[in-house]
Every structure is written in structure tokens, then in C-alpha cells.
Amino acid sequence: MKISVLFFGQIADIAGKDNLDISNIDTSNELKSRLCELYPALNNLTYSVAVNKEIVQTNTALKDGDTVALLPPFSGG
């Protein structure tokens, strides 16, 4: 099972790239844990998770081919 992960803003700076394909991930929480292992600076950052363009607030099951975006805090104005 392959998941596409998109990074934006400061998260992309931390990762050093704007996307990543990752395998063997079943849930959004598992993905966040794996990404924190790969990029420890994410542990100290607040961000939202969107699965297939929909922001999720709880642990969400992921399917093969899903796209997950990590979104830094937005500022209004």
C-alpha cells in the first residue's frame, strides 16, 4: 500500500522536499509517528492533516493511493 504525502511551508523546509511516497502505513496517526521518526523537528510543530483534501481531526484509516497533506498553521488577514 502506497500513500503520497505532500508537505507545505515550514514542514516542507524541515523535510527538505515537498512530497514523499511512503508504504505500509494504515492510519493517519501511524503516518504522523513515522514522519516524526524521519523528521524529528515535526515533534515540536503544530500542523493539520488532510486526507484526500479533507482535514481530519481524528485517527483516520488510509487506503492505497490516498494523498495526505501536512498543513502548517494558517494566518488570516
N, C-alpha and C. Protein backbone atom coordinates (compact mmCIF):
# COMPACT_ATOMS: atom_id res chain seq x y z
N MET A 1 0.85 -1.18 0.00
CA MET A 1 0.00 0.00 0.00
C MET A 1 0.89 1.24 0.00
N LYS A 2 0.63 2.16 -0.92
CA LYS A 2 1.45 3.36 -1.03
C LYS A 2 0.59 4.60 -0.79
N ILE A 3 1.11 5.50 0.04
CA ILE A 3 0.46 6.77 0.37
C ILE A 3 1.36 7.88 -0.14
N SER A 4 0.77 8.89 -0.76
CA SER A 4 1.51 10.08 -1.17
C SER A 4 1.33 11.15 -0.10
N VAL A 5 2.44 11.71 0.35
CA VAL A 5 2.41 12.74 1.39
C VAL A 5 2.91 14.04 0.77
N LEU A 6 2.14 15.11 0.98
CA LEU A 6 2.51 16.44 0.49
C LEU A 6 2.88 17.31 1.68
N PHE A 7 3.99 18.03 1.55
CA PHE A 7 4.47 18.93 2.61
C PHE A 7 4.34 20.37 2.13
N PHE A 8 3.96 21.26 3.04
CA PHE A 8 3.81 22.67 2.70
C PHE A 8 4.51 23.54 3.74
N GLY A 9 4.95 24.73 3.31
CA GLY A 9 5.52 25.72 4.22
C GLY A 9 6.70 25.20 5.01
N GLN A 10 6.67 25.47 6.31
CA GLN A 10 7.77 25.10 7.20
C GLN A 10 7.97 23.58 7.22
N ILE A 11 6.91 22.83 7.03
CA ILE A 11 7.03 21.37 7.02
C ILE A 11 7.88 20.92 5.82
N ALA A 12 7.68 21.53 4.68
CA ALA A 12 8.50 21.22 3.50
C ALA A 12 9.95 21.60 3.75
N ASP A 13 10.17 22.72 4.45
CA ASP A 13 11.53 23.12 4.78
C ASP A 13 12.20 22.08 5.68
N ILE A 14 11.47 21.58 6.66
CA ILE A 14 12.01 20.57 7.57
C ILE A 14 12.34 19.28 6.81
N ALA A 15 11.42 18.86 5.94
CA ALA A 15 11.62 17.61 5.20
C ALA A 15 12.65 17.76 4.08
N GLY A 16 12.86 18.99 3.63
CA GLY A 16 13.78 19.21 2.52
C GLY A 16 13.21 18.80 1.18
N LYS A 17 11.89 18.64 1.13
CA LYS A 17 11.21 18.26 -0.11
C LYS A 17 9.74 18.61 0.04
N ASP A 18 9.00 18.56 -1.06
CA ASP A 18 7.58 18.90 -0.96
C ASP A 18 6.66 17.69 -1.08
N ASN A 19 7.24 16.50 -1.27
CA ASN A 19 6.39 15.30 -1.29
C ASN A 19 7.22 14.06 -0.98
N LEU A 20 6.50 13.01 -0.62
CA LEU A 20 7.12 11.75 -0.26
C LEU A 20 6.11 10.64 -0.50
N ASP A 21 6.53 9.55 -1.08
CA ASP A 21 5.70 8.35 -1.17
C ASP A 21 6.16 7.40 -0.07
N ILE A 22 5.21 6.87 0.68
CA ILE A 22 5.54 6.02 1.81
C ILE A 22 4.63 4.80 1.80
N SER A 23 5.15 3.65 2.21
CA SER A 23 4.40 2.40 2.16
C SER A 23 4.16 1.84 3.56
N ASN A 24 3.25 0.90 3.63
CA ASN A 24 2.96 0.15 4.85
C ASN A 24 2.50 1.03 6.00
N ILE A 25 1.61 1.96 5.71
CA ILE A 25 1.00 2.84 6.71
C ILE A 25 -0.50 2.62 6.63
N ASP A 26 -1.14 2.37 7.78
CA ASP A 26 -2.57 2.07 7.78
C ASP A 26 -3.45 3.20 8.29
N THR A 27 -2.90 4.11 9.11
CA THR A 27 -3.71 5.17 9.70
C THR A 27 -2.96 6.50 9.69
N SER A 28 -3.71 7.58 9.86
CA SER A 28 -3.07 8.90 9.90
C SER A 28 -2.15 9.03 11.11
N ASN A 29 -2.52 8.45 12.24
CA ASN A 29 -1.64 8.52 13.42
C ASN A 29 -0.35 7.75 13.18
N GLU A 30 -0.44 6.61 12.54
CA GLU A 30 0.76 5.83 12.21
C GLU A 30 1.65 6.62 11.26
N LEU A 31 1.05 7.31 10.31
CA LEU A 31 1.82 8.15 9.39
C LEU A 31 2.53 9.26 10.14
N LYS A 32 1.82 9.95 11.03
CA LYS A 32 2.44 11.03 11.80
C LYS A 32 3.62 10.51 12.62
N SER A 33 3.47 9.34 13.23
CA SER A 33 4.56 8.76 14.01
C SER A 33 5.77 8.45 13.14
N ARG A 34 5.52 7.86 11.97
CA ARG A 34 6.62 7.52 11.06
C ARG A 34 7.33 8.78 10.58
N LEU A 35 6.56 9.82 10.25
CA LEU A 35 7.16 11.07 9.78
C LEU A 35 7.97 11.74 10.89
N CYS A 36 7.53 11.62 12.13
CA CYS A 36 8.30 12.19 13.24
C CYS A 36 9.60 11.43 13.45
N GLU A 37 9.62 10.14 13.13
CA GLU A 37 10.87 9.38 13.18
C GLU A 37 11.82 9.86 12.09
N LEU A 38 11.28 10.09 10.89
CA LEU A 38 12.11 10.55 9.77
C LEU A 38 12.56 12.00 9.93
N TYR A 39 11.68 12.83 10.48
CA TYR A 39 11.93 14.27 10.61
C TYR A 39 11.59 14.69 12.05
N PRO A 40 12.51 14.48 13.00
CA PRO A 40 12.24 14.74 14.42
C PRO A 40 11.74 16.15 14.73
N ALA A 41 12.09 17.13 13.92
CA ALA A 41 11.64 18.51 14.17
C ALA A 41 10.12 18.62 14.09
N LEU A 42 9.45 17.68 13.45
CA LEU A 42 7.98 17.71 13.38
C LEU A 42 7.34 17.52 14.75
N ASN A 43 8.07 16.89 15.68
CA ASN A 43 7.54 16.69 17.03
C ASN A 43 7.20 18.00 17.71
N ASN A 44 7.89 19.07 17.36
CA ASN A 44 7.70 20.37 18.02
C ASN A 44 6.82 21.31 17.21
N LEU A 45 6.16 20.80 16.19
CA LEU A 45 5.40 21.66 15.28
C LEU A 45 3.92 21.29 15.32
N THR A 46 3.08 22.31 15.30
CA THR A 46 1.64 22.10 15.20
C THR A 46 1.25 22.16 13.72
N TYR A 47 0.50 21.17 13.27
CA TYR A 47 0.06 21.15 11.88
C TYR A 47 -1.23 20.36 11.75
N SER A 48 -1.94 20.58 10.66
CA SER A 48 -3.17 19.84 10.37
C SER A 48 -2.86 18.76 9.34
N VAL A 49 -3.70 17.74 9.35
CA VAL A 49 -3.57 16.64 8.40
C VAL A 49 -4.83 16.59 7.54
N ALA A 50 -4.63 16.57 6.23
CA ALA A 50 -5.76 16.42 5.31
C ALA A 50 -5.57 15.12 4.52
N VAL A 51 -6.62 14.34 4.46
CA VAL A 51 -6.61 13.10 3.69
C VAL A 51 -7.52 13.31 2.49
N ASN A 52 -6.94 13.21 1.30
CA ASN A 52 -7.69 13.43 0.06
C ASN A 52 -8.45 14.75 0.11
N LYS A 53 -7.74 15.81 0.49
CA LYS A 53 -8.23 17.20 0.52
C LYS A 53 -9.27 17.48 1.60
N GLU A 54 -9.40 16.60 2.59
CA GLU A 54 -10.34 16.82 3.69
C GLU A 54 -9.58 16.76 5.01
N ILE A 55 -9.61 17.86 5.77
CA ILE A 55 -8.90 17.89 7.04
C ILE A 55 -9.54 16.90 8.00
N VAL A 56 -8.70 16.11 8.65
CA VAL A 56 -9.18 15.12 9.62
C VAL A 56 -8.71 15.52 11.01
N GLN A 57 -9.58 15.32 11.99
CA GLN A 57 -9.27 15.67 13.38
C GLN A 57 -8.93 14.44 14.21
N THR A 58 -9.31 13.27 13.74
CA THR A 58 -9.10 12.03 14.49
C THR A 58 -8.29 11.06 13.64
N ASN A 59 -7.88 9.98 14.28
CA ASN A 59 -7.14 8.94 13.58
C ASN A 59 -8.01 8.40 12.44
N THR A 60 -7.48 8.39 11.24
CA THR A 60 -8.24 8.03 10.05
C THR A 60 -7.56 6.89 9.31
N ALA A 61 -8.35 5.91 8.88
CA ALA A 61 -7.81 4.80 8.09
C ALA A 61 -7.36 5.32 6.73
N LEU A 62 -6.22 4.83 6.27
CA LEU A 62 -5.69 5.22 4.97
C LEU A 62 -5.77 4.03 4.01
N LYS A 63 -5.97 4.35 2.73
CA LYS A 63 -6.07 3.32 1.70
C LYS A 63 -4.97 3.53 0.66
N ASP A 64 -4.67 2.49 -0.06
CA ASP A 64 -3.69 2.57 -1.13
C ASP A 64 -4.09 3.70 -2.09
N GLY A 65 -3.13 4.55 -2.40
CA GLY A 65 -3.37 5.65 -3.34
C GLY A 65 -3.86 6.93 -2.70
N ASP A 66 -4.11 6.93 -1.38
CA ASP A 66 -4.53 8.16 -0.71
C ASP A 66 -3.44 9.21 -0.79
N THR A 67 -3.86 10.47 -0.75
CA THR A 67 -2.94 11.60 -0.67
C THR A 67 -3.17 12.28 0.67
N VAL A 68 -2.10 12.44 1.42
CA VAL A 68 -2.16 13.09 2.73
C VAL A 68 -1.32 14.36 2.66
N ALA A 69 -1.92 15.47 3.08
CA ALA A 69 -1.20 16.74 3.10
C ALA A 69 -0.98 17.16 4.54
N LEU A 70 0.23 17.59 4.85
CA LEU A 70 0.55 18.17 6.16
C LEU A 70 0.55 19.67 5.99
N LEU A 71 -0.34 20.33 6.72
CA LEU A 71 -0.58 21.76 6.53
C LEU A 71 -0.15 22.54 7.76
N PRO A 72 0.76 23.49 7.60
CA PRO A 72 1.17 24.32 8.73
C PRO A 72 0.02 25.24 9.13
N PRO A 73 0.11 25.86 10.31
CA PRO A 73 -0.96 26.78 10.73
C PRO A 73 -1.14 27.90 9.70
N PHE A 74 -2.39 28.27 9.50
CA PHE A 74 -2.72 29.34 8.56
C PHE A 74 -2.89 30.63 9.34
N SER A 75 -2.49 31.73 8.74
CA SER A 75 -2.75 33.04 9.36
C SER A 75 -3.75 33.77 8.48
N GLY A 76 -4.65 34.46 9.11
CA GLY A 76 -5.68 35.16 8.36
C GLY A 76 -5.31 36.62 8.16
N GLY A 77 -6.14 37.30 7.43
CA GLY A 77 -5.87 38.71 7.26
C GLY A 77 -6.57 39.32 6.11
